[in-house]
Amino acid sequence: MDVEQWRWAGQERFAGFCLTFVQNREPAAVAASLGADSLTLMTLAEAEQAHPISGPGALIRLGAFGNWVFCFEDRAPIANRTSAITRLSEGT
């Protein structure tokens, strides 16, 4: 595992986060279930510049491992809401 790749996860700048794992979904489907229009590949620095912390909403980071997708949200997570859990769990 590339430790440098995960350095951002240990940063304590944000008050809360949500880490979600969804099986048998593509990252784009998970993002759409959370209300995202599209996915863009960015570094953390690029994402924070494009979506500053002063703006509304969550900053969502997605990845895949095998048939699992993981979603890390900070700032204002939404995947922990009942309606989002229902959408993400449907058919899994």
C-alpha atoms as a PDB file:
ATOM      1  CA  MET A   1       0.000   0.000   0.000  1.00  0.00           C
ATOM      2  CA  ASP A   2       1.253   3.469  -0.881  1.00  0.00           C
ATOM      3  CA  VAL A   3       1.189   5.296   2.470  1.00  0.00           C
ATOM      4  CA  GLU A   4       1.654   8.705   0.839  1.00  0.00           C
ATOM      5  CA  GLN A   5      -1.524   8.148  -1.174  1.00  0.00           C
ATOM      6  CA  TRP A   6      -3.537   7.943   2.086  1.00  0.00           C
ATOM      7  CA  ARG A   7      -1.871  10.851   3.917  1.00  0.00           C
ATOM      8  CA  TRP A   8      -4.976  13.049   3.449  1.00  0.00           C
ATOM      9  CA  ALA A   9      -7.093  10.646   5.553  1.00  0.00           C
ATOM     10  CA  GLY A  10      -5.127  11.509   8.666  1.00  0.00           C
ATOM     11  CA  GLN A  11      -5.568  15.255   8.396  1.00  0.00           C
ATOM     12  CA  GLU A  12      -7.649  16.672  11.233  1.00  0.00           C
ATOM     13  CA  ARG A  13      -8.913  19.843   9.547  1.00  0.00           C
ATOM     14  CA  PHE A  14     -12.543  18.853   9.297  1.00  0.00           C
ATOM     15  CA  ALA A  15     -14.991  18.275  12.130  1.00  0.00           C
ATOM     16  CA  GLY A  16     -16.609  15.140  10.742  1.00  0.00           C
ATOM     17  CA  PHE A  17     -16.524  12.611   7.978  1.00  0.00           C
ATOM     18  CA  CYS A  18     -18.430   9.627   6.643  1.00  0.00           C
ATOM     19  CA  LEU A  19     -16.756   6.522   5.240  1.00  0.00           C
ATOM     20  CA  THR A  20     -19.118   4.327   3.243  1.00  0.00           C
ATOM     21  CA  PHE A  21     -18.514   0.966   1.567  1.00  0.00           C
ATOM     22  CA  VAL A  22     -20.899  -0.228  -1.137  1.00  0.00           C
ATOM     23  CA  GLN A  23     -20.714  -3.606  -2.835  1.00  0.00           C
ATOM     24  CA  ASN A  24     -21.485  -4.338  -6.497  1.00  0.00           C
ATOM     25  CA  ARG A  25     -21.666  -0.704  -7.638  1.00  0.00           C
ATOM     26  CA  GLU A  26     -19.488   1.445  -9.856  1.00  0.00           C
ATOM     27  CA  PRO A  27     -18.010   4.664  -8.400  1.00  0.00           C
ATOM     28  CA  ALA A  28     -20.135   6.777 -10.770  1.00  0.00           C
ATOM     29  CA  ALA A  29     -23.315   5.057  -9.533  1.00  0.00           C
ATOM     30  CA  VAL A  30     -22.361   5.743  -5.902  1.00  0.00           C
ATOM     31  CA  ALA A  31     -21.639   9.385  -6.722  1.00  0.00           C
ATOM     32  CA  ALA A  32     -24.977   9.697  -8.544  1.00  0.00           C
ATOM     33  CA  SER A  33     -26.778   8.175  -5.546  1.00  0.00           C
ATOM     34  CA  LEU A  34     -25.294  10.959  -3.439  1.00  0.00           C
ATOM     35  CA  GLY A  35     -26.379  13.654  -5.890  1.00  0.00           C
ATOM     36  CA  ALA A  36     -23.157  14.219  -7.842  1.00  0.00           C
ATOM     37  CA  ASP A  37     -23.508  15.071 -11.545  1.00  0.00           C
ATOM     38  CA  SER A  38     -20.121  13.774 -12.629  1.00  0.00           C
ATOM     39  CA  LEU A  39     -16.761  12.515 -11.416  1.00  0.00           C
ATOM     40  CA  THR A  40     -13.494  14.339 -11.899  1.00  0.00           C
ATOM     41  CA  LEU A  41     -10.075  12.916 -11.094  1.00  0.00           C
ATOM     42  CA  MET A  42      -8.264  15.438  -8.879  1.00  0.00           C
ATOM     43  CA  THR A  43      -5.626  15.541  -6.210  1.00  0.00           C
ATOM     44  CA  LEU A  44      -6.767  16.681  -2.774  1.00  0.00           C
ATOM     45  CA  ALA A  45      -5.194  20.110  -3.361  1.00  0.00           C
ATOM     46  CA  GLU A  46      -7.004  20.483  -6.700  1.00  0.00           C
ATOM     47  CA  ALA A  47     -10.328  19.408  -5.152  1.00  0.00           C
ATOM     48  CA  GLU A  48      -9.982  21.848  -2.273  1.00  0.00           C
ATOM     49  CA  GLN A  49      -9.168  24.671  -4.681  1.00  0.00           C
ATOM     50  CA  ALA A  50     -12.144  23.832  -6.920  1.00  0.00           C
ATOM     51  CA  HIS A  51     -14.480  23.272  -3.941  1.00  0.00           C
ATOM     52  CA  PRO A  52     -13.309  25.451  -1.035  1.00  0.00           C
ATOM     53  CA  ILE A  53     -14.365  24.588   2.501  1.00  0.00           C
ATOM     54  CA  SER A  54     -16.351  27.835   2.625  1.00  0.00           C
ATOM     55  CA  GLY A  55     -18.713  26.434  -0.031  1.00  0.00           C
ATOM     56  CA  PRO A  56     -21.749  24.276   0.693  1.00  0.00           C
ATOM     57  CA  GLY A  57     -21.914  20.495   0.576  1.00  0.00           C
ATOM     58  CA  ALA A  58     -19.547  17.604   1.003  1.00  0.00           C
ATOM     59  CA  LEU A  59     -16.262  16.877  -0.688  1.00  0.00           C
ATOM     60  CA  ILE A  60     -16.609  13.283  -1.866  1.00  0.00           C
ATOM     61  CA  ARG A  61     -13.666  11.019  -2.681  1.00  0.00           C
ATOM     62  CA  LEU A  62     -14.328   7.636  -4.255  1.00  0.00           C
ATOM     63  CA  GLY A  63     -12.269   4.586  -5.009  1.00  0.00           C
ATOM     64  CA  ALA A  64     -12.766   0.929  -5.817  1.00  0.00           C
ATOM     65  CA  PHE A  65     -11.262  -2.316  -4.644  1.00  0.00           C
ATOM     66  CA  GLY A  66     -12.557  -5.486  -6.255  1.00  0.00           C
ATOM     67  CA  ASN A  67     -16.348  -5.303  -6.263  1.00  0.00           C
ATOM     68  CA  TRP A  68     -16.399  -2.715  -3.448  1.00  0.00           C
ATOM     69  CA  VAL A  69     -16.565   1.056  -3.774  1.00  0.00           C
ATOM     70  CA  PHE A  70     -15.516   3.253  -0.893  1.00  0.00           C
ATOM     71  CA  CYS A  71     -16.670   6.813  -0.450  1.00  0.00           C
ATOM     72  CA  PHE A  72     -15.003   9.270   1.934  1.00  0.00           C
ATOM     73  CA  GLU A  73     -16.948  12.473   2.585  1.00  0.00           C
ATOM     74  CA  ASP A  74     -15.932  15.360   4.748  1.00  0.00           C
ATOM     75  CA  ARG A  75     -17.397  18.753   5.647  1.00  0.00           C
ATOM     76  CA  ALA A  76     -21.119  17.946   5.318  1.00  0.00           C
ATOM     77  CA  PRO A  77     -21.527  14.197   4.751  1.00  0.00           C
ATOM     78  CA  ILE A  78     -24.755  12.924   3.205  1.00  0.00           C
ATOM     79  CA  ALA A  79     -24.157   9.165   2.812  1.00  0.00           C
ATOM     80  CA  ASN A  80     -25.065   8.654   6.471  1.00  0.00           C
ATOM     81  CA  ARG A  81     -28.624   9.933   5.944  1.00  0.00           C
ATOM     82  CA  THR A  82     -31.442   7.391   5.823  1.00  0.00           C
ATOM     83  CA  SER A  83     -32.475   8.309   2.262  1.00  0.00           C
ATOM     84  CA  ALA A  84     -28.900   7.983   0.977  1.00  0.00           C
ATOM     85  CA  ILE A  85     -28.375   4.674   2.796  1.00  0.00           C
ATOM     86  CA  THR A  86     -31.560   3.369   1.177  1.00  0.00           C
ATOM     87  CA  ARG A  87     -30.400   4.398  -2.314  1.00  0.00           C
ATOM     88  CA  LEU A  88     -26.887   3.019  -1.803  1.00  0.00           C
ATOM     89  CA  SER A  89     -28.121  -0.299  -0.370  1.00  0.00           C
ATOM     90  CA  GLU A  90     -30.826  -1.006  -2.918  1.00  0.00           C
ATOM     91  CA  GLY A  91     -30.082  -4.287  -4.688  1.00  0.00           C
ATOM     92  CA  THR A  92     -26.869  -5.001  -2.803  1.00  0.00           C
END
